[in-house]
Amino acid sequence: MDWDVSQVKVVGPLQLEVAFADGTRGRVVFEPTHLTGVFTSLQNPKFFNQVRINGGAVSWPGDIDLAPDSMHAAIRKSGDWVLR
């Protein structure tokens, strides 16, 4: 799929740079207000840095992942996907 994530890299606190199978590139930015529920563990920088790609999606241990299709659409539109 075009929205499969092919690369992910931590570029700052709560910020990722991602690339997709179709060549689209951009940033994912987590605002602290988004780090609730399943995302609470991402507040820990050591845990956040364990980001990886699993099945074309950005993920972390413990079955935490981000929807690649939503991420792709937002990044194509504005270059960033800000999670509030």
PDB file of N, CA and C in Angstrom:
ATOM      1  N   MET A   1       0.829  -1.184   0.000  1.00  0.00           N
ATOM      2  CA  MET A   1       0.000   0.000   0.000  1.00  0.00           C
ATOM      3  C   MET A   1       0.874   1.248   0.000  1.00  0.00           C
ATOM      4  N   ASP A   2       0.385   2.293  -0.628  1.00  0.00           N
ATOM      5  CA  ASP A   2       1.117   3.557  -0.672  1.00  0.00           C
ATOM      6  C   ASP A   2       1.371   4.129   0.710  1.00  0.00           C
ATOM      7  N   TRP A   3       0.448   3.871   1.654  1.00  0.00           N
ATOM      8  CA  TRP A   3       0.594   4.463   2.989  1.00  0.00           C
ATOM      9  C   TRP A   3       1.383   3.585   3.956  1.00  0.00           C
ATOM     10  N   ASP A   4       1.947   2.490   3.500  1.00  0.00           N
ATOM     11  CA  ASP A   4       2.819   1.699   4.366  1.00  0.00           C
ATOM     12  C   ASP A   4       4.050   2.528   4.733  1.00  0.00           C
ATOM     13  N   VAL A   5       4.376   2.558   5.999  1.00  0.00           N
ATOM     14  CA  VAL A   5       5.550   3.291   6.462  1.00  0.00           C
ATOM     15  C   VAL A   5       6.788   2.467   6.129  1.00  0.00           C
ATOM     16  N   SER A   6       7.768   3.118   5.495  1.00  0.00           N
ATOM     17  CA  SER A   6       9.000   2.425   5.112  1.00  0.00           C
ATOM     18  C   SER A   6      10.188   2.837   5.971  1.00  0.00           C
ATOM     19  N   GLN A   7      10.096   4.020   6.620  1.00  0.00           N
ATOM     20  CA  GLN A   7      11.163   4.486   7.495  1.00  0.00           C
ATOM     21  C   GLN A   7      10.546   5.289   8.637  1.00  0.00           C
ATOM     22  N   VAL A   8      11.150   5.175   9.809  1.00  0.00           N
ATOM     23  CA  VAL A   8      10.744   6.001  10.952  1.00  0.00           C
ATOM     24  C   VAL A   8      11.986   6.321  11.758  1.00  0.00           C
ATOM     25  N   LYS A   9      12.043   7.568  12.244  1.00  0.00           N
ATOM     26  CA  LYS A   9      13.204   8.011  12.997  1.00  0.00           C
ATOM     27  C   LYS A   9      12.749   9.047  14.019  1.00  0.00           C
ATOM     28  N   VAL A  10      13.231   8.925  15.242  1.00  0.00           N
ATOM     29  CA  VAL A  10      12.974   9.938  16.264  1.00  0.00           C
ATOM     30  C   VAL A  10      13.834  11.155  15.933  1.00  0.00           C
ATOM     31  N   VAL A  11      13.197  12.337  15.846  1.00  0.00           N
ATOM     32  CA  VAL A  11      13.936  13.557  15.507  1.00  0.00           C
ATOM     33  C   VAL A  11      13.874  14.605  16.604  1.00  0.00           C
ATOM     34  N   GLY A  12      13.188  14.307  17.679  1.00  0.00           N
ATOM     35  CA  GLY A  12      13.099  15.232  18.799  1.00  0.00           C
ATOM     36  C   GLY A  12      12.157  14.680  19.832  1.00  0.00           C
ATOM     37  N   PRO A  13      12.020  15.385  20.941  1.00  0.00           N
ATOM     38  CA  PRO A  13      11.074  14.924  21.955  1.00  0.00           C
ATOM     39  C   PRO A  13       9.663  14.829  21.366  1.00  0.00           C
ATOM     40  N   LEU A  14       9.092  13.637  21.423  1.00  0.00           N
ATOM     41  CA  LEU A  14       7.733  13.379  20.928  1.00  0.00           C
ATOM     42  C   LEU A  14       7.561  13.718  19.450  1.00  0.00           C
ATOM     43  N   GLN A  15       8.634  13.586  18.683  1.00  0.00           N
ATOM     44  CA  GLN A  15       8.578  13.868  17.245  1.00  0.00           C
ATOM     45  C   GLN A  15       9.259  12.758  16.446  1.00  0.00           C
ATOM     46  N   LEU A  16       8.590  12.386  15.366  1.00  0.00           N
ATOM     47  CA  LEU A  16       9.114  11.367  14.462  1.00  0.00           C
ATOM     48  C   LEU A  16       9.185  11.922  13.053  1.00  0.00           C
ATOM     49  N   GLU A  17      10.124  11.427  12.289  1.00  0.00           N
ATOM     50  CA  GLU A  17      10.151  11.655  10.853  1.00  0.00           C
ATOM     51  C   GLU A  17       9.795  10.325  10.216  1.00  0.00           C
ATOM     52  N   VAL A  18       8.852  10.341   9.272  1.00  0.00           N
ATOM     53  CA  VAL A  18       8.423   9.104   8.629  1.00  0.00           C
ATOM     54  C   VAL A  18       8.508   9.238   7.119  1.00  0.00           C
ATOM     55  N   ALA A  19       8.684   8.098   6.472  1.00  0.00           N
ATOM     56  CA  ALA A  19       8.631   8.008   5.015  1.00  0.00           C
ATOM     57  C   ALA A  19       7.702   6.853   4.679  1.00  0.00           C
ATOM     58  N   PHE A  20       6.996   7.006   3.572  1.00  0.00           N
ATOM     59  CA  PHE A  20       6.022   6.013   3.137  1.00  0.00           C
ATOM     60  C   PHE A  20       6.467   5.349   1.848  1.00  0.00           C
ATOM     61  N   ALA A  21       5.828   4.244   1.523  1.00  0.00           N
ATOM     62  CA  ALA A  21       6.166   3.468   0.329  1.00  0.00           C
ATOM     63  C   ALA A  21       6.075   4.293  -0.951  1.00  0.00           C
ATOM     64  N   ASP A  22       5.180   5.286  -0.985  1.00  0.00           N
ATOM     65  CA  ASP A  22       5.031   6.100  -2.190  1.00  0.00           C
ATOM     66  C   ASP A  22       5.980   7.289  -2.241  1.00  0.00           C
ATOM     67  N   GLY A  23       6.892   7.415  -1.259  1.00  0.00           N
ATOM     68  CA  GLY A  23       7.869   8.502  -1.238  1.00  0.00           C
ATOM     69  C   GLY A  23       7.455   9.702  -0.408  1.00  0.00           C
ATOM     70  N   THR A  24       6.226   9.743   0.043  1.00  0.00           N
ATOM     71  CA  THR A  24       5.771  10.836   0.904  1.00  0.00           C
ATOM     72  C   THR A  24       6.578  10.812   2.195  1.00  0.00           C
ATOM     73  N   ARG A  25       6.980  12.006   2.662  1.00  0.00           N
ATOM     74  CA  ARG A  25       7.759  12.136   3.893  1.00  0.00           C
ATOM     75  C   ARG A  25       7.159  13.240   4.740  1.00  0.00           C
ATOM     76  N   GLY A  26       7.299  13.128   6.051  1.00  0.00           N
ATOM     77  CA  GLY A  26       6.820  14.181   6.928  1.00  0.00           C
ATOM     78  C   GLY A  26       7.093  13.867   8.383  1.00  0.00           C
ATOM     79  N   ARG A  27       6.490  14.690   9.240  1.00  0.00           N
ATOM     80  CA  ARG A  27       6.709  14.554  10.678  1.00  0.00           C
ATOM     81  C   ARG A  27       5.419  14.172  11.390  1.00  0.00           C
ATOM     82  N   VAL A  28       5.597  13.415  12.468  1.00  0.00           N
ATOM     83  CA  VAL A  28       4.520  13.106  13.401  1.00  0.00           C
ATOM     84  C   VAL A  28       4.897  13.777  14.713  1.00  0.00           C
ATOM     85  N   VAL A  29       3.991  14.596  15.231  1.00  0.00           N
ATOM     86  CA  VAL A  29       4.251  15.338  16.460  1.00  0.00           C
ATOM     87  C   VAL A  29       3.165  14.994  17.472  1.00  0.00           C
ATOM     88  N   PHE A  30       3.586  14.503  18.626  1.00  0.00           N
ATOM     89  CA  PHE A  30       2.658  14.219  19.717  1.00  0.00           C
ATOM     90  C   PHE A  30       2.636  15.413  20.650  1.00  0.00           C
ATOM     91  N   GLU A  31       1.474  15.972  20.878  1.00  0.00           N
ATOM     92  CA  GLU A  31       1.348  16.974  21.920  1.00  0.00           C
ATOM     93  C   GLU A  31       1.095  16.229  23.235  1.00  0.00           C
ATOM     94  N   PRO A  32       1.610  16.757  24.347  1.00  0.00           N
ATOM     95  CA  PRO A  32       1.454  16.055  25.631  1.00  0.00           C
ATOM     96  C   PRO A  32       0.003  15.706  25.963  1.00  0.00           C
ATOM     97  N   THR A  33      -0.945  16.494  25.510  1.00  0.00           N
ATOM     98  CA  THR A  33      -2.351  16.219  25.803  1.00  0.00           C
ATOM     99  C   THR A  33      -2.841  14.934  25.138  1.00  0.00           C
ATOM    100  N   HIS A  34      -2.128  14.438  24.146  1.00  0.00           N
ATOM    101  CA  HIS A  34      -2.514  13.205  23.448  1.00  0.00           C
ATOM    102  C   HIS A  34      -1.995  11.955  24.177  1.00  0.00           C
ATOM    103  N   LEU A  35      -1.088  12.145  25.098  1.00  0.00           N
ATOM    104  CA  LEU A  35      -0.422  11.010  25.745  1.00  0.00           C
ATOM    105  C   LEU A  35      -1.219  10.502  26.942  1.00  0.00           C
ATOM    106  N   THR A  36      -2.406  10.012  26.645  1.00  0.00           N
ATOM    107  CA  THR A  36      -3.273   9.421  27.653  1.00  0.00           C
ATOM    108  C   THR A  36      -3.627   8.008  27.217  1.00  0.00           C
ATOM    109  N   GLY A  37      -4.238   7.269  28.104  1.00  0.00           N
ATOM    110  CA  GLY A  37      -4.668   5.914  27.764  1.00  0.00           C
ATOM    111  C   GLY A  37      -3.510   5.067  27.289  1.00  0.00           C
ATOM    112  N   VAL A  38      -3.693   4.417  26.158  1.00  0.00           N
ATOM    113  CA  VAL A  38      -2.681   3.517  25.614  1.00  0.00           C
ATOM    114  C   VAL A  38      -1.372   4.253  25.294  1.00  0.00           C
ATOM    115  N   PHE A  39      -1.446   5.557  25.061  1.00  0.00           N
ATOM    116  CA  PHE A  39      -0.248   6.329  24.692  1.00  0.00           C
ATOM    117  C   PHE A  39       0.527   6.871  25.894  1.00  0.00           C
ATOM    118  N   THR A  40       0.072   6.624  27.111  1.00  0.00           N
ATOM    119  CA  THR A  40       0.737   7.146  28.306  1.00  0.00           C
ATOM    120  C   THR A  40       2.206   6.753  28.366  1.00  0.00           C
ATOM    121  N   SER A  41       2.525   5.533  28.010  1.00  0.00           N
ATOM    122  CA  SER A  41       3.910   5.067  28.096  1.00  0.00           C
ATOM    123  C   SER A  41       4.851   5.819  27.157  1.00  0.00           C
ATOM    124  N   LEU A  42       4.319   6.509  26.141  1.00  0.00           N
ATOM    125  CA  LEU A  42       5.169   7.275  25.227  1.00  0.00           C
ATOM    126  C   LEU A  42       5.754   8.512  25.890  1.00  0.00           C
ATOM    127  N   GLN A  43       5.280   8.863  27.077  1.00  0.00           N
ATOM    128  CA  GLN A  43       5.844   9.990  27.824  1.00  0.00           C
ATOM    129  C   GLN A  43       7.285   9.714  28.240  1.00  0.00           C
ATOM    130  N   ASN A  44       7.631   8.441  28.384  1.00  0.00           N
ATOM    131  CA  ASN A  44       8.978   8.049  28.769  1.00  0.00           C
ATOM    132  C   ASN A  44       9.866   8.071  27.521  1.00  0.00           C
ATOM    133  N   PRO A  45      10.875   8.964  27.482  1.00  0.00           N
ATOM    134  CA  PRO A  45      11.718   9.069  26.284  1.00  0.00           C
ATOM    135  C   PRO A  45      12.391   7.753  25.882  1.00  0.00           C
ATOM    136  N   LYS A  46      12.804   6.943  26.857  1.00  0.00           N
ATOM    137  CA  LYS A  46      13.440   5.661  26.519  1.00  0.00           C
ATOM    138  C   LYS A  46      12.455   4.740  25.816  1.00  0.00           C
ATOM    139  N   PHE A  47      11.208   4.770  26.252  1.00  0.00           N
ATOM    140  CA  PHE A  47      10.186   3.955  25.595  1.00  0.00           C
ATOM    141  C   PHE A  47       9.857   4.535  24.211  1.00  0.00           C
ATOM    142  N   PHE A  48       9.697   5.840  24.129  1.00  0.00           N
ATOM    143  CA  PHE A  48       9.393   6.492  22.848  1.00  0.00           C
ATOM    144  C   PHE A  48      10.445   6.142  21.796  1.00  0.00           C
ATOM    145  N   ASN A  49      11.702   6.090  22.228  1.00  0.00           N
ATOM    146  CA  ASN A  49      12.806   5.785  21.297  1.00  0.00           C
ATOM    147  C   ASN A  49      12.817   4.345  20.816  1.00  0.00           C
ATOM    148  N   GLN A  50      11.957   3.489  21.343  1.00  0.00           N
ATOM    149  CA  GLN A  50      11.858   2.102  20.888  1.00  0.00           C
ATOM    150  C   GLN A  50      10.941   1.972  19.662  1.00  0.00           C
ATOM    151  N   VAL A  51      10.593   3.077  19.039  1.00  0.00           N
ATOM    152  CA  VAL A  51       9.716   3.071  17.873  1.00  0.00           C
ATOM    153  C   VAL A  51      10.286   2.162  16.787  1.00  0.00           C
ATOM    154  N   ARG A  52       9.388   1.529  16.049  1.00  0.00           N
ATOM    155  CA  ARG A  52       9.785   0.623  14.958  1.00  0.00           C
ATOM    156  C   ARG A  52       8.643   0.559  13.950  1.00  0.00           C
ATOM    157  N   ILE A  53       8.871  -0.167  12.897  1.00  0.00           N
ATOM    158  CA  ILE A  53       7.834  -0.409  11.891  1.00  0.00           C
ATOM    159  C   ILE A  53       7.397  -1.857  12.020  1.00  0.00           C
ATOM    160  N   ASN A  54       6.097  -2.050  12.080  1.00  0.00           N
ATOM    161  CA  ASN A  54       5.543  -3.399  12.164  1.00  0.00           C
ATOM    162  C   ASN A  54       4.358  -3.482  11.206  1.00  0.00           C
ATOM    163  N   GLY A  55       4.503  -4.271  10.164  1.00  0.00           N
ATOM    164  CA  GLY A  55       3.415  -4.429   9.204  1.00  0.00           C
ATOM    165  C   GLY A  55       3.041  -3.143   8.488  1.00  0.00           C
ATOM    166  N   GLY A  56       4.007  -2.258   8.271  1.00  0.00           N
ATOM    167  CA  GLY A  56       3.749  -1.000   7.571  1.00  0.00           C
ATOM    168  C   GLY A  56       3.238   0.114   8.461  1.00  0.00           C
ATOM    169  N   ALA A  57       3.186  -0.132   9.782  1.00  0.00           N
ATOM    170  CA  ALA A  57       2.706   0.881  10.723  1.00  0.00           C
ATOM    171  C   ALA A  57       3.803   1.233  11.724  1.00  0.00           C
ATOM    172  N   VAL A  58       3.801   2.477  12.173  1.00  0.00           N
ATOM    173  CA  VAL A  58       4.673   2.902  13.259  1.00  0.00           C
ATOM    174  C   VAL A  58       4.151   2.250  14.533  1.00  0.00           C
ATOM    175  N   SER A  59       5.046   1.614  15.289  1.00  0.00           N
ATOM    176  CA  SER A  59       4.597   0.906  16.490  1.00  0.00           C
ATOM    177  C   SER A  59       5.652   0.944  17.584  1.00  0.00           C
ATOM    178  N   TRP A  60       5.198   0.568  18.768  1.00  0.00           N
ATOM    179  CA  TRP A  60       6.033   0.435  19.953  1.00  0.00           C
ATOM    180  C   TRP A  60       5.681  -0.884  20.621  1.00  0.00           C
ATOM    181  N   PRO A  61       6.532  -1.355  21.525  1.00  0.00           N
ATOM    182  CA  PRO A  61       6.195  -2.577  22.267  1.00  0.00           C
ATOM    183  C   PRO A  61       4.845  -2.429  22.984  1.00  0.00           C
ATOM    184  N   GLY A  62       4.187  -3.544  23.175  1.00  0.00           N
ATOM    185  CA  GLY A  62       2.906  -3.526  23.870  1.00  0.00           C
ATOM    186  C   GLY A  62       1.728  -3.246  22.955  1.00  0.00           C
ATOM    187  N   ASP A  63       1.893  -3.505  21.666  1.00  0.00           N
ATOM    188  CA  ASP A  63       0.813  -3.322  20.688  1.00  0.00           C
ATOM    189  C   ASP A  63       0.330  -1.885  20.574  1.00  0.00           C
ATOM    190  N   ILE A  64       1.222  -0.920  20.742  1.00  0.00           N
ATOM    191  CA  ILE A  64       0.900   0.490  20.519  1.00  0.00           C
ATOM    192  C   ILE A  64       1.275   0.800  19.076  1.00  0.00           C
ATOM    193  N   ASP A  65       0.321   1.309  18.319  1.00  0.00           N
ATOM    194  CA  ASP A  65       0.637   1.673  16.935  1.00  0.00           C
ATOM    195  C   ASP A  65      -0.208   2.855  16.481  1.00  0.00           C
ATOM    196  N   LEU A  66       0.177   3.390  15.326  1.00  0.00           N
ATOM    197  CA  LEU A  66      -0.511   4.517  14.716  1.00  0.00           C
ATOM    198  C   LEU A  66      -1.091   4.085  13.382  1.00  0.00           C
ATOM    199  N   ALA A  67      -2.240   4.610  13.047  1.00  0.00           N
ATOM    200  CA  ALA A  67      -2.908   4.267  11.786  1.00  0.00           C
ATOM    201  C   ALA A  67      -2.143   4.880  10.614  1.00  0.00           C
ATOM    202  N   PRO A  68      -1.505   4.061   9.780  1.00  0.00           N
ATOM    203  CA  PRO A  68      -0.695   4.612   8.695  1.00  0.00           C
ATOM    204  C   PRO A  68      -1.507   5.361   7.648  1.00  0.00           C
ATOM    205  N   ASP A  69      -2.757   4.957   7.410  1.00  0.00           N
ATOM    206  CA  ASP A  69      -3.556   5.654   6.394  1.00  0.00           C
ATOM    207  C   ASP A  69      -3.911   7.064   6.842  1.00  0.00           C
ATOM    208  N   SER A  70      -4.266   7.238   8.102  1.00  0.00           N
ATOM    209  CA  SER A  70      -4.571   8.573   8.628  1.00  0.00           C
ATOM    210  C   SER A  70      -3.319   9.446   8.654  1.00  0.00           C
ATOM    211  N   MET A  71      -2.208   8.845   9.063  1.00  0.00           N
ATOM    212  CA  MET A  71      -0.938   9.564   9.091  1.00  0.00           C
ATOM    213  C   MET A  71      -0.559  10.040   7.693  1.00  0.00           C
ATOM    214  N   HIS A  72      -0.664   9.160   6.726  1.00  0.00           N
ATOM    215  CA  HIS A  72      -0.313   9.476   5.344  1.00  0.00           C
ATOM    216  C   HIS A  72      -1.176  10.623   4.810  1.00  0.00           C
ATOM    217  N   ALA A  73      -2.479  10.555   5.043  1.00  0.00           N
ATOM    218  CA  ALA A  73      -3.390  11.605   4.551  1.00  0.00           C
ATOM    219  C   ALA A  73      -3.043  12.962   5.151  1.00  0.00           C
ATOM    220  N   ALA A  74      -2.782  13.008   6.453  1.00  0.00           N
ATOM    221  CA  ALA A  74      -2.466  14.280   7.112  1.00  0.00           C
ATOM    222  C   ALA A  74      -1.135  14.837   6.623  1.00  0.00           C
ATOM    223  N   ILE A  75      -0.144  13.973   6.464  1.00  0.00           N
ATOM    224  CA  ILE A  75       1.174  14.437   6.022  1.00  0.00           C
ATOM    225  C   ILE A  75       1.122  14.898   4.570  1.00  0.00           C
ATOM    226  N   ARG A  76       0.377  14.218   3.739  1.00  0.00           N
ATOM    227  CA  ARG A  76       0.243  14.688   2.334  1.00  0.00           C
ATOM    228  C   ARG A  76      -0.405  16.054   2.283  1.00  0.00           C
ATOM    229  N   LYS A  77      -1.317  16.308   3.206  1.00  0.00           N
ATOM    230  CA  LYS A  77      -2.046  17.565   3.222  1.00  0.00           C
ATOM    231  C   LYS A  77      -1.203  18.719   3.758  1.00  0.00           C
ATOM    232  N   SER A  78      -0.480  18.473   4.873  1.00  0.00           N
ATOM    233  CA  SER A  78       0.203  19.610   5.505  1.00  0.00           C
ATOM    234  C   SER A  78       1.676  19.379   5.831  1.00  0.00           C
ATOM    235  N   GLY A  79       2.180  18.157   5.634  1.00  0.00           N
ATOM    236  CA  GLY A  79       3.578  17.873   5.939  1.00  0.00           C
ATOM    237  C   GLY A  79       3.802  17.352   7.348  1.00  0.00           C
ATOM    238  N   ASP A  80       2.815  17.576   8.214  1.00  0.00           N
ATOM    239  CA  ASP A  80       2.893  17.122   9.599  1.00  0.00           C
ATOM    240  C   ASP A  80       1.597  16.436   9.983  1.00  0.00           C
ATOM    241  N   TRP A  81       1.687  15.531  10.941  1.00  0.00           N
ATOM    242  CA  TRP A  81       0.501  14.967  11.585  1.00  0.00           C
ATOM    243  C   TRP A  81       0.669  15.259  13.061  1.00  0.00           C
ATOM    244  N   VAL A  82      -0.126  16.196  13.565  1.00  0.00           N
ATOM    245  CA  VAL A  82      -0.046  16.585  14.959  1.00  0.00           C
ATOM    246  C   VAL A  82      -1.146  15.878  15.712  1.00  0.00           C
ATOM    247  N   LEU A  83      -0.750  15.112  16.703  1.00  0.00           N
ATOM    248  CA  LEU A  83      -1.696  14.357  17.518  1.00  0.00           C
ATOM    249  C   LEU A  83      -1.953  15.148  18.790  1.00  0.00           C
ATOM    250  N   ARG A  84      -3.167  15.654  18.903  1.00  0.00           N
ATOM    251  CA  ARG A  84      -3.552  16.503  20.053  1.00  0.00           C
ATOM    252  C   ARG A  84      -4.410  15.740  21.000  1.00  0.00           C
TER     253      ARG A  84
END
